[in-house]
C-alpha atoms as a PDB file:
ATOM      1  CA  MET A   1     107.942  84.910 123.599  1.00  0.00           C
ATOM      2  CA  SER A   2     106.560  82.599 120.905  1.00  0.00           C
ATOM      3  CA  ARG A   3     107.950  82.526 117.354  1.00  0.00           C
ATOM      4  CA  LYS A   4     104.765  84.121 116.037  1.00  0.00           C
ATOM      5  CA  ARG A   5     104.874  87.043 118.467  1.00  0.00           C
ATOM      6  CA  LEU A   6     108.600  87.567 117.851  1.00  0.00           C
ATOM      7  CA  ALA A   7     108.013  87.657 114.084  1.00  0.00           C
ATOM      8  CA  ALA A   8     105.197  90.179 114.546  1.00  0.00           C
ATOM      9  CA  LEU A   9     107.459  92.319 116.753  1.00  0.00           C
ATOM     10  CA  ILE A  10     110.167  92.318 114.052  1.00  0.00           C
ATOM     11  CA  SER A  11     107.545  93.522 111.574  1.00  0.00           C
ATOM     12  CA  VAL A  12     106.476  96.332 113.943  1.00  0.00           C
ATOM     13  CA  THR A  13     110.080  97.485 114.351  1.00  0.00           C
ATOM     14  CA  SER A  14     110.952  97.479 110.639  1.00  0.00           C
ATOM     15  CA  ASN A  15     107.731  99.231 109.643  1.00  0.00           C
ATOM     16  CA  SER A  16     108.207 101.929 112.283  1.00  0.00           C
ATOM     17  CA  ALA A  17     111.609 102.781 110.858  1.00  0.00           C
ATOM     18  CA  LEU A  18     110.368 102.773 107.254  1.00  0.00           C
ATOM     19  CA  VAL A  19     107.359 104.992 108.023  1.00  0.00           C
ATOM     20  CA  VAL A  20     109.581 107.687 109.537  1.00  0.00           C
ATOM     21  CA  LEU A  21     112.146 107.456 106.731  1.00  0.00           C
ATOM     22  CA  LYS A  22     109.603 107.534 103.884  1.00  0.00           C
ATOM     23  CA  LEU A  23     107.574 110.330 105.455  1.00  0.00           C
ATOM     24  CA  LEU A  24     110.628 112.572 105.891  1.00  0.00           C
ATOM     25  CA  VAL A  25     111.853 111.953 102.339  1.00  0.00           C
ATOM     26  CA  GLY A  26     108.328 112.298 100.911  1.00  0.00           C
ATOM     27  CA  LEU A  27     107.895 115.720 102.513  1.00  0.00           C
ATOM     28  CA  LEU A  28     111.398 116.746 101.398  1.00  0.00           C
ATOM     29  CA  THR A  29     110.885 115.743  97.760  1.00  0.00           C
ATOM     30  CA  GLY A  30     107.174 116.521  97.413  1.00  0.00           C
ATOM     31  CA  SER A  31     106.740 113.116  95.729  1.00  0.00           C
ATOM     32  CA  VAL A  32     103.197 111.772  96.018  1.00  0.00           C
ATOM     33  CA  SER A  33     104.430 108.278  95.219  1.00  0.00           C
ATOM     34  CA  VAL A  34     106.919 108.394  98.123  1.00  0.00           C
ATOM     35  CA  LEU A  35     104.212 109.787 100.425  1.00  0.00           C
ATOM     36  CA  ALA A  36     101.910 107.042  99.159  1.00  0.00           C
ATOM     37  CA  GLU A  37     104.569 104.533 100.163  1.00  0.00           C
ATOM     38  CA  ALA A  38     104.836 106.196 103.591  1.00  0.00           C
ATOM     39  CA  ILE A  39     101.088 105.742 104.053  1.00  0.00           C
ATOM     40  CA  HIS A  40     101.397 102.176 102.801  1.00  0.00           C
ATOM     41  CA  SER A  41     104.104 101.485 105.407  1.00  0.00           C
ATOM     42  CA  ALA A  42     101.978 103.197 108.080  1.00  0.00           C
ATOM     43  CA  ASN A  43      99.217 100.774 107.156  1.00  0.00           C
ATOM     44  CA  ASP A  44     101.715  97.943 107.446  1.00  0.00           C
ATOM     45  CA  LEU A  45     102.726  99.214 110.883  1.00  0.00           C
ATOM     46  CA  ILE A  46      99.126  99.287 112.075  1.00  0.00           C
ATOM     47  CA  ALA A  47      98.602  95.836 110.591  1.00  0.00           C
ATOM     48  CA  ALA A  48     101.711  94.526 112.358  1.00  0.00           C
ATOM     49  CA  LEU A  49     100.498  95.957 115.677  1.00  0.00           C
ATOM     50  CA  ILE A  50      97.093  94.342 115.145  1.00  0.00           C
ATOM     51  CA  ALA A  51      98.773  91.038 114.263  1.00  0.00           C
ATOM     52  CA  LEU A  52     100.958  91.224 117.387  1.00  0.00           C
ATOM     53  CA  PHE A  53      97.927  91.931 119.569  1.00  0.00           C
ATOM     54  CA  SER A  54      95.734  89.262 117.950  1.00  0.00           C
ATOM     55  CA  ILE A  55      98.426  86.581 118.194  1.00  0.00           C
ATOM     56  CA  GLY A  56      98.674  87.287 121.926  1.00  0.00           C
ATOM     57  CA  ILE A  57      94.918  86.725 122.235  1.00  0.00           C
ATOM     58  CA  ALA A  58      94.875  83.665 119.953  1.00  0.00           C
ATOM     59  CA  GLU A  59      97.562  81.942 122.030  1.00  0.00           C
ATOM     60  CA  ARG A  60      95.438  82.083 125.173  1.00  0.00           C
ATOM     61  CA  PRO A  61      94.129  78.651 126.222  1.00  0.00           C
ATOM     62  CA  ALA A  62      90.439  77.769 126.024  1.00  0.00           C
ATOM     63  CA  ASP A  63      88.334  78.986 128.958  1.00  0.00           C
ATOM     64  CA  GLN A  64      84.736  78.836 130.162  1.00  0.00           C
ATOM     65  CA  GLU A  65      83.616  81.669 127.886  1.00  0.00           C
ATOM     66  CA  HIS A  66      85.631  80.424 124.885  1.00  0.00           C
ATOM     67  CA  PRO A  67      85.605  76.605 125.017  1.00  0.00           C
ATOM     68  CA  TYR A  68      86.986  76.380 121.455  1.00  0.00           C
ATOM     69  CA  GLY A  69      89.884  78.698 122.267  1.00  0.00           C
ATOM     70  CA  HIS A  70      90.672  82.171 120.921  1.00  0.00           C
ATOM     71  CA  GLY A  71      92.043  81.266 117.484  1.00  0.00           C
ATOM     72  CA  LYS A  72      89.455  83.352 115.606  1.00  0.00           C
ATOM     73  CA  ALA A  73      91.292  86.472 116.809  1.00  0.00           C
ATOM     74  CA  GLU A  74      93.843  85.861 114.042  1.00  0.00           C
ATOM     75  CA  SER A  75      91.142  85.674 111.366  1.00  0.00           C
ATOM     76  CA  ILE A  76      89.599  88.906 112.653  1.00  0.00           C
ATOM     77  CA  SER A  77      93.043  90.508 112.554  1.00  0.00           C
ATOM     78  CA  ALA A  78      93.512  89.407 108.933  1.00  0.00           C
ATOM     79  CA  ALA A  79      90.123  90.929 108.008  1.00  0.00           C
ATOM     80  CA  VAL A  80      91.005  94.268 109.635  1.00  0.00           C
ATOM     81  CA  GLU A  81      94.394  94.304 107.912  1.00  0.00           C
ATOM     82  CA  ALA A  82      92.699  93.678 104.555  1.00  0.00           C
ATOM     83  CA  ALA A  83      90.343  96.606 105.150  1.00  0.00           C
ATOM     84  CA  LEU A  84      93.332  98.837 105.920  1.00  0.00           C
ATOM     85  CA  ILE A  85      94.974  97.848 102.639  1.00  0.00           C
ATOM     86  CA  VAL A  86      91.850  98.755 100.656  1.00  0.00           C
ATOM     87  CA  GLY A  87      91.548 102.089 102.476  1.00  0.00           C
ATOM     88  CA  ALA A  88      95.182 102.931 101.759  1.00  0.00           C
ATOM     89  CA  ALA A  89      94.712 102.198  98.064  1.00  0.00           C
ATOM     90  CA  ILE A  90      91.737 104.568  97.826  1.00  0.00           C
ATOM     91  CA  TRP A  91      93.645 107.348  99.623  1.00  0.00           C
ATOM     92  CA  ILE A  92      96.634 106.996  97.288  1.00  0.00           C
ATOM     93  CA  VAL A  93      94.446 107.290  94.173  1.00  0.00           C
ATOM     94  CA  ILE A  94      92.799 110.467  95.509  1.00  0.00           C
ATOM     95  CA  GLU A  95      96.177 112.057  96.300  1.00  0.00           C
ATOM     96  CA  ALA A  96      97.654 111.043  92.952  1.00  0.00           C
ATOM     97  CA  VAL A  97      94.739 112.498  90.977  1.00  0.00           C
ATOM     98  CA  GLN A  98      95.088 115.775  92.874  1.00  0.00           C
ATOM     99  CA  LYS A  99      98.796 115.859  91.995  1.00  0.00           C
ATOM    100  CA  VAL A 100      98.010 115.304  88.307  1.00  0.00           C
ATOM    101  CA  VAL A 101      95.477 118.142  88.287  1.00  0.00           C
ATOM    102  CA  ALA A 102      97.798 120.533  90.163  1.00  0.00           C
ATOM    103  CA  ARG A 103     100.796 119.580  87.961  1.00  0.00           C
ATOM    104  CA  GLU A 104     103.130 119.601  90.968  1.00  0.00           C
ATOM    105  CA  THR A 105     106.814 118.829  90.476  1.00  0.00           C
ATOM    106  CA  VAL A 106     109.124 116.512  92.411  1.00  0.00           C
ATOM    107  CA  GLU A 107     112.458 117.543  93.947  1.00  0.00           C
ATOM    108  CA  HIS A 108     115.498 115.777  95.466  1.00  0.00           C
ATOM    109  CA  LEU A 109     114.837 112.692  93.361  1.00  0.00           C
ATOM    110  CA  GLY A 110     118.007 110.956  94.495  1.00  0.00           C
ATOM    111  CA  TRP A 111     116.780 110.844  98.098  1.00  0.00           C
ATOM    112  CA  GLY A 112     113.418 109.475  97.024  1.00  0.00           C
ATOM    113  CA  THR A 113     114.968 106.746  94.893  1.00  0.00           C
ATOM    114  CA  GLY A 114     117.420 105.809  97.630  1.00  0.00           C
ATOM    115  CA  VAL A 115     114.819 105.404 100.379  1.00  0.00           C
ATOM    116  CA  MET A 116     112.679 103.250  98.104  1.00  0.00           C
ATOM    117  CA  LEU A 117     115.574 100.877  97.442  1.00  0.00           C
ATOM    118  CA  VAL A 118     116.279 100.650 101.185  1.00  0.00           C
ATOM    119  CA  SER A 119     112.589  99.813 101.696  1.00  0.00           C
ATOM    120  CA  VAL A 120     112.783  97.076  99.073  1.00  0.00           C
ATOM    121  CA  LEU A 121     115.740  95.387 100.774  1.00  0.00           C
ATOM    122  CA  VAL A 122     114.280  95.610 104.301  1.00  0.00           C
ATOM    123  CA  ASN A 123     110.872  94.305 103.282  1.00  0.00           C
ATOM    124  CA  ILE A 124     112.289  91.409 101.250  1.00  0.00           C
ATOM    125  CA  VAL A 125     114.126  90.159 104.338  1.00  0.00           C
ATOM    126  CA  VAL A 126     111.262  90.709 106.812  1.00  0.00           C
ATOM    127  CA  SER A 127     108.448  89.445 104.549  1.00  0.00           C
ATOM    128  CA  ARG A 128     110.320  86.222 103.757  1.00  0.00           C
ATOM    129  CA  HIS A 129     110.797  85.618 107.478  1.00  0.00           C
ATOM    130  CA  LEU A 130     107.108  86.290 108.171  1.00  0.00           C
ATOM    131  CA  PHE A 131     105.967  83.994 105.358  1.00  0.00           C
ATOM    132  CA  ARG A 132     108.190  81.207 106.684  1.00  0.00           C
ATOM    133  CA  VAL A 133     106.937  81.542 110.276  1.00  0.00           C
ATOM    134  CA  ALA A 134     103.320  81.922 109.095  1.00  0.00           C
ATOM    135  CA  ARG A 135     103.618  78.720 107.077  1.00  0.00           C
ATOM    136  CA  GLU A 136     105.323  76.739 109.833  1.00  0.00           C
ATOM    137  CA  GLU A 137     103.009  78.022 112.602  1.00  0.00           C
ATOM    138  CA  ASP A 138      99.890  78.171 110.356  1.00  0.00           C
ATOM    139  CA  SER A 139      99.127  81.767 111.350  1.00  0.00           C
ATOM    140  CA  PRO A 140      96.539  83.775 109.316  1.00  0.00           C
ATOM    141  CA  ALA A 141      97.542  87.020 111.059  1.00  0.00           C
ATOM    142  CA  LEU A 142     101.225  86.640 110.188  1.00  0.00           C
ATOM    143  CA  GLU A 143     100.376  85.585 106.637  1.00  0.00           C
ATOM    144  CA  ALA A 144      98.324  88.764 106.155  1.00  0.00           C
ATOM    145  CA  ASP A 145     101.167  90.844 107.628  1.00  0.00           C
ATOM    146  CA  ALA A 146     103.637  89.139 105.290  1.00  0.00           C
ATOM    147  CA  HIS A 147     101.426  89.996 102.305  1.00  0.00           C
ATOM    148  CA  HIS A 148     101.455  93.640 103.434  1.00  0.00           C
ATOM    149  CA  LEU A 149     105.246  93.708 103.322  1.00  0.00           C
ATOM    150  CA  ALA A 150     105.417  91.740 100.066  1.00  0.00           C
ATOM    151  CA  THR A 151     103.274  94.362  98.340  1.00  0.00           C
ATOM    152  CA  ASP A 152     105.638  96.990  99.738  1.00  0.00           C
ATOM    153  CA  VAL A 153     108.519  95.303  97.913  1.00  0.00           C
ATOM    154  CA  TYR A 154     106.820  95.647  94.527  1.00  0.00           C
ATOM    155  CA  THR A 155     105.339  99.074  95.148  1.00  0.00           C
ATOM    156  CA  SER A 156     108.604 100.525  96.490  1.00  0.00           C
ATOM    157  CA  LEU A 157     110.453  99.140  93.483  1.00  0.00           C
ATOM    158  CA  GLY A 158     107.827 100.644  91.184  1.00  0.00           C
ATOM    159  CA  VAL A 159     108.145 104.045  92.866  1.00  0.00           C
ATOM    160  CA  ALA A 160     111.952 103.875  92.586  1.00  0.00           C
ATOM    161  CA  VAL A 161     111.651 103.185  88.860  1.00  0.00           C
ATOM    162  CA  GLY A 162     109.132 106.011  88.463  1.00  0.00           C
ATOM    163  CA  LEU A 163     111.360 108.514  90.261  1.00  0.00           C
ATOM    164  CA  SER A 164     114.293 107.422  88.113  1.00  0.00           C
ATOM    165  CA  VAL A 165     112.236 108.104  84.979  1.00  0.00           C
ATOM    166  CA  VAL A 166     111.342 111.580  86.292  1.00  0.00           C
ATOM    167  CA  TRP A 167     115.019 112.162  87.106  1.00  0.00           C
ATOM    168  CA  LEU A 168     116.116 111.233  83.557  1.00  0.00           C
ATOM    169  CA  THR A 169     113.248 112.733  81.530  1.00  0.00           C
ATOM    170  CA  ASP A 170     111.844 115.521  83.721  1.00  0.00           C
ATOM    171  CA  TRP A 171     108.355 114.076  83.126  1.00  0.00           C
ATOM    172  CA  HIS A 172     106.907 114.841  86.562  1.00  0.00           C
ATOM    173  CA  ILE A 173     103.511 113.369  85.696  1.00  0.00           C
ATOM    174  CA  VAL A 174     105.118 109.928  85.877  1.00  0.00           C
ATOM    175  CA  ASP A 175     105.245 110.193  89.713  1.00  0.00           C
ATOM    176  CA  PRO A 176     101.456 110.337  90.367  1.00  0.00           C
ATOM    177  CA  LEU A 177     100.806 107.821  87.571  1.00  0.00           C
ATOM    178  CA  VAL A 178     103.146 105.350  89.274  1.00  0.00           C
ATOM    179  CA  ALA A 179     101.313 106.051  92.551  1.00  0.00           C
ATOM    180  CA  ILE A 180      98.010 105.052  90.898  1.00  0.00           C
ATOM    181  CA  VAL A 181      99.540 101.805  89.628  1.00  0.00           C
ATOM    182  CA  VAL A 182     100.822 101.160  93.153  1.00  0.00           C
ATOM    183  CA  ALA A 183      97.326 101.765  94.521  1.00  0.00           C
ATOM    184  CA  LEU A 184      95.749  99.310  92.080  1.00  0.00           C
ATOM    185  CA  LEU A 185      98.230  96.615  93.091  1.00  0.00           C
ATOM    186  CA  ILE A 186      97.535  97.281  96.779  1.00  0.00           C
ATOM    187  CA  LEU A 187      93.787  97.128  96.105  1.00  0.00           C
ATOM    188  CA  ARG A 188      94.119  93.721  94.441  1.00  0.00           C
ATOM    189  CA  ILE A 189      96.040  92.313  97.410  1.00  0.00           C
ATOM    190  CA  GLY A 190      93.527  93.833  99.847  1.00  0.00           C
ATOM    191  CA  THR A 191      90.573  92.299  98.028  1.00  0.00           C
ATOM    192  CA  SER A 192      92.228  88.875  98.001  1.00  0.00           C
ATOM    193  CA  LEU A 193      92.991  89.028 101.734  1.00  0.00           C
ATOM    194  CA  THR A 194      89.441  90.180 102.478  1.00  0.00           C
ATOM    195  CA  MET A 195      87.938  87.163 100.735  1.00  0.00           C
ATOM    196  CA  LYS A 196      90.348  84.774 102.458  1.00  0.00           C
ATOM    197  CA  SER A 197      89.650  86.169 105.935  1.00  0.00           C
ATOM    198  CA  ILE A 198      85.877  86.011 105.360  1.00  0.00           C
ATOM    199  CA  HIS A 199      86.352  82.396 104.273  1.00  0.00           C
ATOM    200  CA  HIS A 200      87.894  81.568 107.674  1.00  0.00           C
ATOM    201  CA  LEU A 201      85.410  83.623 109.687  1.00  0.00           C
ATOM    202  CA  MET A 202      82.484  81.851 108.007  1.00  0.00           C
ATOM    203  CA  ASP A 203      83.802  78.483 109.272  1.00  0.00           C
ATOM    204  CA  ALA A 204      84.522  77.092 105.814  1.00  0.00           C
ATOM    205  CA  ARG A 205      85.644  73.459 105.596  1.00  0.00           C
ATOM    206  CA  LEU A 206      89.300  72.477 105.695  1.00  0.00           C
ATOM    207  CA  PRO A 207      91.268  72.245 102.420  1.00  0.00           C
ATOM    208  CA  ALA A 208      90.614  69.197 100.247  1.00  0.00           C
ATOM    209  CA  SER A 209      94.074  67.769 100.969  1.00  0.00           C
ATOM    210  CA  GLU A 210      93.359  67.731 104.711  1.00  0.00           C
ATOM    211  CA  ILE A 211      89.888  66.240 104.196  1.00  0.00           C
ATOM    212  CA  THR A 212      91.556  63.463 102.193  1.00  0.00           C
ATOM    213  CA  GLN A 213      93.922  62.748 105.096  1.00  0.00           C
ATOM    214  CA  ILE A 214      90.950  62.313 107.436  1.00  0.00           C
ATOM    215  CA  GLU A 215      89.103  60.106 104.957  1.00  0.00           C
ATOM    216  CA  ASP A 216      92.166  57.899 104.433  1.00  0.00           C
ATOM    217  CA  ILE A 217      92.480  57.290 108.179  1.00  0.00           C
ATOM    218  CA  LEU A 218      88.784  56.428 108.469  1.00  0.00           C
ATOM    219  CA  SER A 219      88.692  54.260 105.359  1.00  0.00           C
ATOM    220  CA  GLY A 220      91.692  52.300 106.599  1.00  0.00           C
ATOM    221  CA  GLU A 221      90.059  51.455 109.930  1.00  0.00           C
ATOM    222  CA  ALA A 222      88.758  47.869 109.648  1.00  0.00           C
ATOM    223  CA  ARG A 223      87.141  47.874 113.100  1.00  0.00           C
ATOM    224  CA  ILE A 224      84.292  50.207 112.078  1.00  0.00           C
ATOM    225  CA  HIS A 225      81.406  49.457 109.733  1.00  0.00           C
ATOM    226  CA  SER A 226      81.257  52.961 108.176  1.00  0.00           C
ATOM    227  CA  TRP A 227      81.379  56.674 108.952  1.00  0.00           C
ATOM    228  CA  HIS A 228      79.392  59.790 108.044  1.00  0.00           C
ATOM    229  CA  ASN A 229      78.510  63.403 109.018  1.00  0.00           C
ATOM    230  CA  LEU A 230      82.111  64.604 108.765  1.00  0.00           C
ATOM    231  CA  ARG A 231      82.318  68.324 109.587  1.00  0.00           C
ATOM    232  CA  THR A 232      85.438  70.485 109.708  1.00  0.00           C
ATOM    233  CA  ARG A 233      86.394  74.087 110.352  1.00  0.00           C
ATOM    234  CA  LYS A 234      89.387  76.096 111.512  1.00  0.00           C
ATOM    235  CA  ALA A 235      89.995  78.694 114.241  1.00  0.00           C
ATOM    236  CA  GLY A 236      93.427  80.299 114.023  1.00  0.00           C
ATOM    237  CA  ASN A 237      95.769  77.381 113.379  1.00  0.00           C
ATOM    238  CA  THR A 238      93.592  74.804 115.152  1.00  0.00           C
ATOM    239  CA  ARG A 239      91.391  72.442 113.146  1.00  0.00           C
ATOM    240  CA  HIS A 240      88.063  71.395 114.635  1.00  0.00           C
ATOM    241  CA  ILE A 241      86.703  68.075 113.342  1.00  0.00           C
ATOM    242  CA  ASP A 242      83.664  66.032 114.276  1.00  0.00           C
ATOM    243  CA  LEU A 243      82.067  62.965 112.709  1.00  0.00           C
ATOM    244  CA  HIS A 244      80.032  59.812 113.355  1.00  0.00           C
ATOM    245  CA  ILE A 245      81.387  56.265 113.113  1.00  0.00           C
ATOM    246  CA  VAL A 246      79.127  53.204 112.858  1.00  0.00           C
ATOM    247  CA  PHE A 247      79.821  49.888 114.601  1.00  0.00           C
ATOM    248  CA  ARG A 248      78.349  46.448 114.072  1.00  0.00           C
ATOM    249  CA  ASN A 249      75.683  45.697 116.659  1.00  0.00           C
ATOM    250  CA  ASP A 250      77.694  43.017 118.480  1.00  0.00           C
ATOM    251  CA  ALA A 251      80.507  45.484 119.362  1.00  0.00           C
ATOM    252  CA  THR A 252      80.857  46.283 123.056  1.00  0.00           C
ATOM    253  CA  LEU A 253      80.728  49.809 124.444  1.00  0.00           C
ATOM    254  CA  LEU A 254      84.342  49.439 125.590  1.00  0.00           C
ATOM    255  CA  GLU A 255      85.468  48.402 122.097  1.00  0.00           C
ATOM    256  CA  ALA A 256      83.596  51.296 120.481  1.00  0.00           C
ATOM    257  CA  HIS A 257      85.120  53.773 122.935  1.00  0.00           C
ATOM    258  CA  GLU A 258      88.656  52.482 122.395  1.00  0.00           C
ATOM    259  CA  VAL A 259      88.347  52.653 118.602  1.00  0.00           C
ATOM    260  CA  ALA A 260      86.849  56.152 118.681  1.00  0.00           C
ATOM    261  CA  ASP A 261      89.580  57.330 121.060  1.00  0.00           C
ATOM    262  CA  ASP A 262      92.276  55.809 118.833  1.00  0.00           C
ATOM    263  CA  LEU A 263      90.855  57.473 115.702  1.00  0.00           C
ATOM    264  CA  GLU A 264      90.662  60.850 117.446  1.00  0.00           C
ATOM    265  CA  LYS A 265      94.338  60.629 118.409  1.00  0.00           C
ATOM    266  CA  ARG A 266      95.426  59.554 114.919  1.00  0.00           C
ATOM    267  CA  ILE A 267      93.525  62.358 113.187  1.00  0.00           C
ATOM    268  CA  GLU A 268      94.798  64.921 115.699  1.00  0.00           C
ATOM    269  CA  ALA A 269      98.378  63.727 115.123  1.00  0.00           C
ATOM    270  CA  ALA A 270      97.967  63.932 111.327  1.00  0.00           C
ATOM    271  CA  LEU A 271      96.510  67.466 111.376  1.00  0.00           C
ATOM    272  CA  HIS A 272      98.147  68.915 114.478  1.00  0.00           C
ATOM    273  CA  PRO A 273      97.012  71.145 116.071  1.00  0.00           C
ATOM    274  CA  ALA A 274      93.486  69.708 115.933  1.00  0.00           C
ATOM    275  CA  GLN A 275      90.548  68.885 118.168  1.00  0.00           C
ATOM    276  CA  VAL A 276      88.526  65.848 117.091  1.00  0.00           C
ATOM    277  CA  VAL A 277      85.174  64.676 118.477  1.00  0.00           C
ATOM    278  CA  ILE A 278      83.767  61.327 117.306  1.00  0.00           C
ATOM    279  CA  HIS A 279      80.206  60.204 117.956  1.00  0.00           C
ATOM    280  CA  VAL A 280      79.548  56.462 118.028  1.00  0.00           C
ATOM    281  CA  ASP A 281      76.454  55.055 116.266  1.00  0.00           C
ATOM    282  CA  PRO A 282      75.059  51.495 116.192  1.00  0.00           C
ATOM    283  CA  TYR A 283      74.398  49.950 112.797  1.00  0.00           C
ATOM    284  CA  ASP A 284      70.867  50.728 111.570  1.00  0.00           C
ATOM    285  CA  PRO A 285      69.970  49.719 107.981  1.00  0.00           C
ATOM    286  CA  GLN A 286      67.249  52.390 107.885  1.00  0.00           C
ATOM    287  CA  LYS A 287      69.581  55.250 108.827  1.00  0.00           C
ATOM    288  CA  GLU A 288      72.931  54.085 107.441  1.00  0.00           C
ATOM    289  CA  ALA A 289      74.293  56.340 104.684  1.00  0.00           C
ATOM    290  CA  ARG A 290      74.668  54.858 101.236  1.00  0.00           C
ATOM    291  CA  PRO A 291      78.301  53.870 100.425  1.00  0.00           C
ATOM    292  CA  GLN A 292      78.726  56.560  97.795  1.00  0.00           C
ATOM    293  CA  GLU A 293      77.691  59.262 100.308  1.00  0.00           C
ATOM    294  CA  GLN A 294      79.955  58.086 103.074  1.00  0.00           C
ATOM    295  CA  GLY A 295      82.995  60.131 102.112  1.00  0.00           C
ATOM    296  CA  LYS A 296      81.153  63.433 101.653  1.00  0.00           C
ATOM    297  CA  GLU A 297      81.536  66.177 104.194  1.00  0.00           C
ATOM    298  CA  VAL A 298      78.259  67.694 105.382  1.00  0.00           C
ATOM    299  CA  ALA A 299      77.636  71.419 105.647  1.00  0.00           C
ATOM    300  CA  SER A 300      78.716  72.898 108.974  1.00  0.00           C
END
């Protein structure tokens, strides 16, 4: 089992336990904020299952139907997870408003506070592990899952504080108000993840730092006259790069092929994992890009 799939499986296991624990305590106490956290963890569980499934698909090798591989499965997973976060936030607000109107009270506050603190500790450990693996393996699905658990840390802590206030002051309205604050935080995270996943699905260019790495390799190659039409995108953790390089007219086909092959390998090594395709052009004064345009990436 790969590191990514193992990390996703850890997330599934921890979220399953927290959903059951929060749901039981939420029903026992009648706390809408604890129930909101149970729904939040249920969302995290679904997200973790989606991430686990999508990572399995993304790791499949390229085939005849998918010559560029299956990496986009992770971006789709991140988009679905973001939608789940937004949906959870809306549900929590509706439930909280109903609690405010009904003026319902909260019981067994010690149990509610205790389960929230357990949730905080578990999610700190698991989210940090997911963030580390997501960064090292460049996994959008794991990153989205890690964000789910990170929001749980803050929201669970907020609910614990809210229940403590109710416990000390007997102000039961604090519980649904805390739930609304939790929902707004979840909504912000969900919106951010939605925009990021759409960015990947729309084949946006690679980050500026990675574009600079490509340009430095090309600019340092003395055997080519110039280069242009650089295009980049990303599927899962794999970068896809294509461009044109221009040779002087007295260069042989063998020389041009060897240089192009060497540049492809160097760029792939610098941005691993990457797939690079270089097209070779002869020098033509009528078609050659102006020097100041050479380093610009064209629209994909």
